[in-house]
Amino acid sequence: MPSPIGHGLAGLALGLAIEPVLSETATTTVRRLSTFALTGALVAALPDADLLYSEIHRGMSHSIGLTALLMIITGAVTGWVTGRVQWRWVILVGAAHASHILMDWLGTDRYPPTGLEALWPFSREFYISGWDVFPPT
């Protein structure tokens, strides 16, 4: 499975892709670029925080249920702070978290149970693609 660094780089790329193009001053563009990119990297690497307690690794933190919950929370917080839902942030958080699930699903996993609980809370089954695109870490 990809390392937390690999997940962070995927989130960084998503943050750069979702970052709005601004015609303002260069310093504003650099500041916002950094915020989007760093947020994407952090959210993409966040599911591996459960490595600190290996009994729950690849569980609900690696699921589409948590992706949806994070998107709802992001929409609620941005709506509360700015008075309007900031959809670019909602999409960034969802895409970055989902990239982690996708990358782990495509990874090599040799530890039982193999895979991840990608469909939590709808299913407690573990899923893995079997394609082994990413080598084990």
Protein backbone atom coordinates (compact mmCIF):
# COMPACT_ATOMS: atom_id res chain seq x y z
CA MET A 1 0.00 0.00 0.00
CA PRO A 2 1.19 3.53 -0.61
CA SER A 3 3.04 5.30 2.18
CA PRO A 4 1.61 8.34 3.97
CA ILE A 5 4.09 10.39 1.92
CA GLY A 6 2.63 9.02 -1.33
CA HIS A 7 -0.87 9.82 -0.12
CA GLY A 8 0.23 13.33 0.83
CA LEU A 9 1.69 13.90 -2.63
CA ALA A 10 -1.58 12.80 -4.25
CA GLY A 11 -3.48 15.24 -2.02
CA LEU A 12 -0.98 17.97 -2.84
CA ALA A 13 -1.59 17.41 -6.57
CA LEU A 14 -5.36 17.55 -6.02
CA GLY A 15 -5.00 20.76 -4.02
CA LEU A 16 -3.00 22.32 -6.84
CA ALA A 17 -5.55 21.16 -9.42
CA ILE A 18 -8.56 22.46 -7.48
CA GLU A 19 -6.89 25.74 -6.50
CA PRO A 20 -8.71 28.67 -8.13
CA VAL A 21 -6.76 30.74 -10.61
CA LEU A 22 -6.57 34.31 -9.38
CA SER A 23 -5.70 37.42 -11.29
CA GLU A 24 -4.77 39.24 -8.08
CA THR A 25 -1.27 39.94 -6.79
CA ALA A 26 1.32 37.15 -6.75
CA THR A 27 1.49 37.05 -2.94
CA THR A 28 -2.25 36.34 -2.66
CA THR A 29 -1.98 33.60 -5.27
CA VAL A 30 0.95 31.96 -3.48
CA ARG A 31 -0.83 32.13 -0.10
CA ARG A 32 -4.03 30.54 -1.40
CA LEU A 33 -2.11 27.99 -3.42
CA SER A 34 -0.31 26.89 -0.29
CA THR A 35 -3.54 26.65 1.71
CA PHE A 36 -5.26 24.46 -0.88
CA ALA A 37 -2.20 22.31 -1.53
CA LEU A 38 -1.41 21.76 2.14
CA THR A 39 -5.03 21.03 2.99
CA GLY A 40 -5.19 18.46 0.20
CA ALA A 41 -1.97 16.81 1.38
CA LEU A 42 -3.14 16.73 5.00
CA VAL A 43 -6.59 15.30 4.25
CA ALA A 44 -5.16 12.67 1.87
CA ALA A 45 -2.67 11.46 4.50
CA LEU A 46 -5.13 11.71 7.42
CA PRO A 47 -6.59 8.17 7.20
CA ASP A 48 -3.17 6.72 8.02
CA ALA A 49 -3.27 8.37 11.44
CA ASP A 50 -4.89 5.10 12.51
CA LEU A 51 -1.47 3.46 12.06
CA LEU A 52 -0.83 4.56 15.63
CA TYR A 53 -3.25 1.82 16.70
CA SER A 54 -2.84 -0.99 14.16
CA GLU A 55 -5.94 -2.88 15.35
CA ILE A 56 -8.20 -0.36 13.60
CA HIS A 57 -6.01 0.36 10.54
CA ARG A 58 -7.84 0.20 7.22
CA GLY A 59 -11.20 0.37 8.97
CA MET A 60 -13.72 3.18 8.93
CA SER A 61 -11.03 5.80 8.35
CA HIS A 62 -10.53 4.24 4.91
CA SER A 63 -14.18 4.37 3.80
CA ILE A 64 -16.53 6.29 1.55
CA GLY A 65 -18.76 6.80 4.59
CA LEU A 66 -16.05 8.90 6.24
CA THR A 67 -15.42 10.71 2.93
CA ALA A 68 -19.09 11.74 2.83
CA LEU A 69 -19.02 12.76 6.50
CA LEU A 70 -15.91 14.92 5.97
CA MET A 71 -17.57 16.60 2.99
CA ILE A 72 -20.70 17.34 5.04
CA ILE A 73 -18.60 18.77 7.88
CA THR A 74 -16.57 20.89 5.44
CA GLY A 75 -19.75 22.25 3.85
CA ALA A 76 -21.25 23.04 7.25
CA VAL A 77 -18.10 24.75 8.55
CA THR A 78 -17.50 26.82 5.41
CA GLY A 79 -21.18 27.78 5.35
CA TRP A 80 -21.06 28.83 8.99
CA VAL A 81 -17.81 30.78 8.63
CA THR A 82 -18.49 32.53 5.32
CA GLY A 83 -22.27 32.46 5.19
CA ARG A 84 -22.17 30.34 2.03
CA VAL A 85 -20.95 26.80 1.35
CA GLN A 86 -17.54 26.91 -0.31
CA TRP A 87 -17.91 24.04 -2.78
CA ARG A 88 -14.29 24.17 -3.89
CA TRP A 89 -13.24 23.24 -0.34
CA VAL A 90 -15.90 20.53 -0.09
CA ILE A 91 -14.69 18.99 -3.36
CA LEU A 92 -11.04 19.24 -2.29
CA VAL A 93 -11.67 17.44 1.01
CA GLY A 94 -13.77 14.74 -0.68
CA ALA A 95 -11.32 14.17 -3.53
CA ALA A 96 -8.26 14.10 -1.27
CA HIS A 97 -9.81 11.62 1.16
CA ALA A 98 -11.20 9.46 -1.67
CA SER A 99 -7.75 9.40 -3.31
CA HIS A 100 -6.44 7.66 -0.20
CA ILE A 101 -9.12 4.99 -0.45
CA LEU A 102 -8.48 4.47 -4.16
CA MET A 103 -4.71 4.25 -3.74
CA ASP A 104 -4.97 1.75 -0.89
CA TRP A 105 -7.53 -0.30 -2.82
CA LEU A 106 -5.03 -0.51 -5.71
CA GLY A 107 -2.13 -1.34 -3.39
CA THR A 108 -0.47 -4.57 -2.36
CA ASP A 109 -1.64 -5.84 1.01
CA ARG A 110 -0.13 -8.95 2.57
CA TYR A 111 -1.54 -8.64 6.09
CA PRO A 112 -4.85 -10.27 6.95
CA PRO A 113 -7.52 -9.18 6.57
CA THR A 114 -6.37 -7.92 3.19
CA GLY A 115 -7.85 -4.72 1.85
CA LEU A 116 -9.86 -2.00 3.51
CA GLU A 117 -13.41 -1.41 4.75
CA ALA A 118 -14.16 0.85 1.79
CA LEU A 119 -17.96 0.61 2.07
CA TRP A 120 -18.29 1.32 5.80
CA PRO A 121 -20.96 1.90 7.28
CA PHE A 122 -22.86 -0.13 4.67
CA SER A 123 -20.57 -3.15 4.85
CA ARG A 124 -17.87 -4.40 7.23
CA GLU A 125 -16.22 -6.44 4.45
CA PHE A 126 -12.65 -5.75 3.35
CA TYR A 127 -12.04 -4.96 -0.32
CA ILE A 128 -8.86 -5.02 -2.40
CA SER A 129 -8.49 -4.77 -6.19
CA GLY A 130 -5.83 -7.46 -6.57
CA TRP A 131 -4.07 -5.41 -9.22
CA ASP A 132 -1.14 -4.52 -6.92
CA VAL A 133 -0.41 -1.18 -8.62
CA PHE A 134 1.42 0.11 -5.53
CA PRO A 135 4.04 -2.07 -3.78
CA PRO A 136 3.81 -2.72 -0.03
CA THR A 137 5.52 -0.28 2.32
